[in-house]
Amino acid sequence: MKYKHLTLDDRIEIQHALKDRTSFIKIGAVLNRDASTISKEIKAHAHVTKTGTKSRPHNSCVHRKTCMHEGDICELCIQTSSWHESRYCSVCGMCNDVCPEFREYQCKVLKKPPYVCNGCKTRRSCTLSKCT
């Protein structure tokens, strides 16, 4: 029997399996589909969100941990620097939009299977764009 589309139940199973860090081959075996079908499905329906963590905003700059700017780039940092001893770009979500030195960092996890953050050990502390 040749299948054309994955069902909603299949997609939910894929989501749970990715969270458990299951390989495409094993997911495909459970769903009786080829691993390439699983891979294509994930790539086609992955959703990227720019969310930070509970205490830090989204920041995907390659310089986010070593940035030398201390509140002199964005308006928010300039305004808050008077009451805050120093406002580093690593804790500012606005600097990505206005900094002339901004270069986006692409997470290495998203460049290889499973292409999503589901099951990633650093997901809760990561300030990069998340793909689910």
Foldseek 3Di string as FASTA:
>chain_A
DDDDDDDPVLVVLLLVCVLVVHQLPVSCVVVVHHSVVSQVVQVVPKDKDQAAAPQAGADFFPCLPPDPDWQPWDPVSVVCCVVPVTHGSNRDPCNCPTPPRGDGDDDPCLVDPPNFCNNPPCVNHGRYIGID
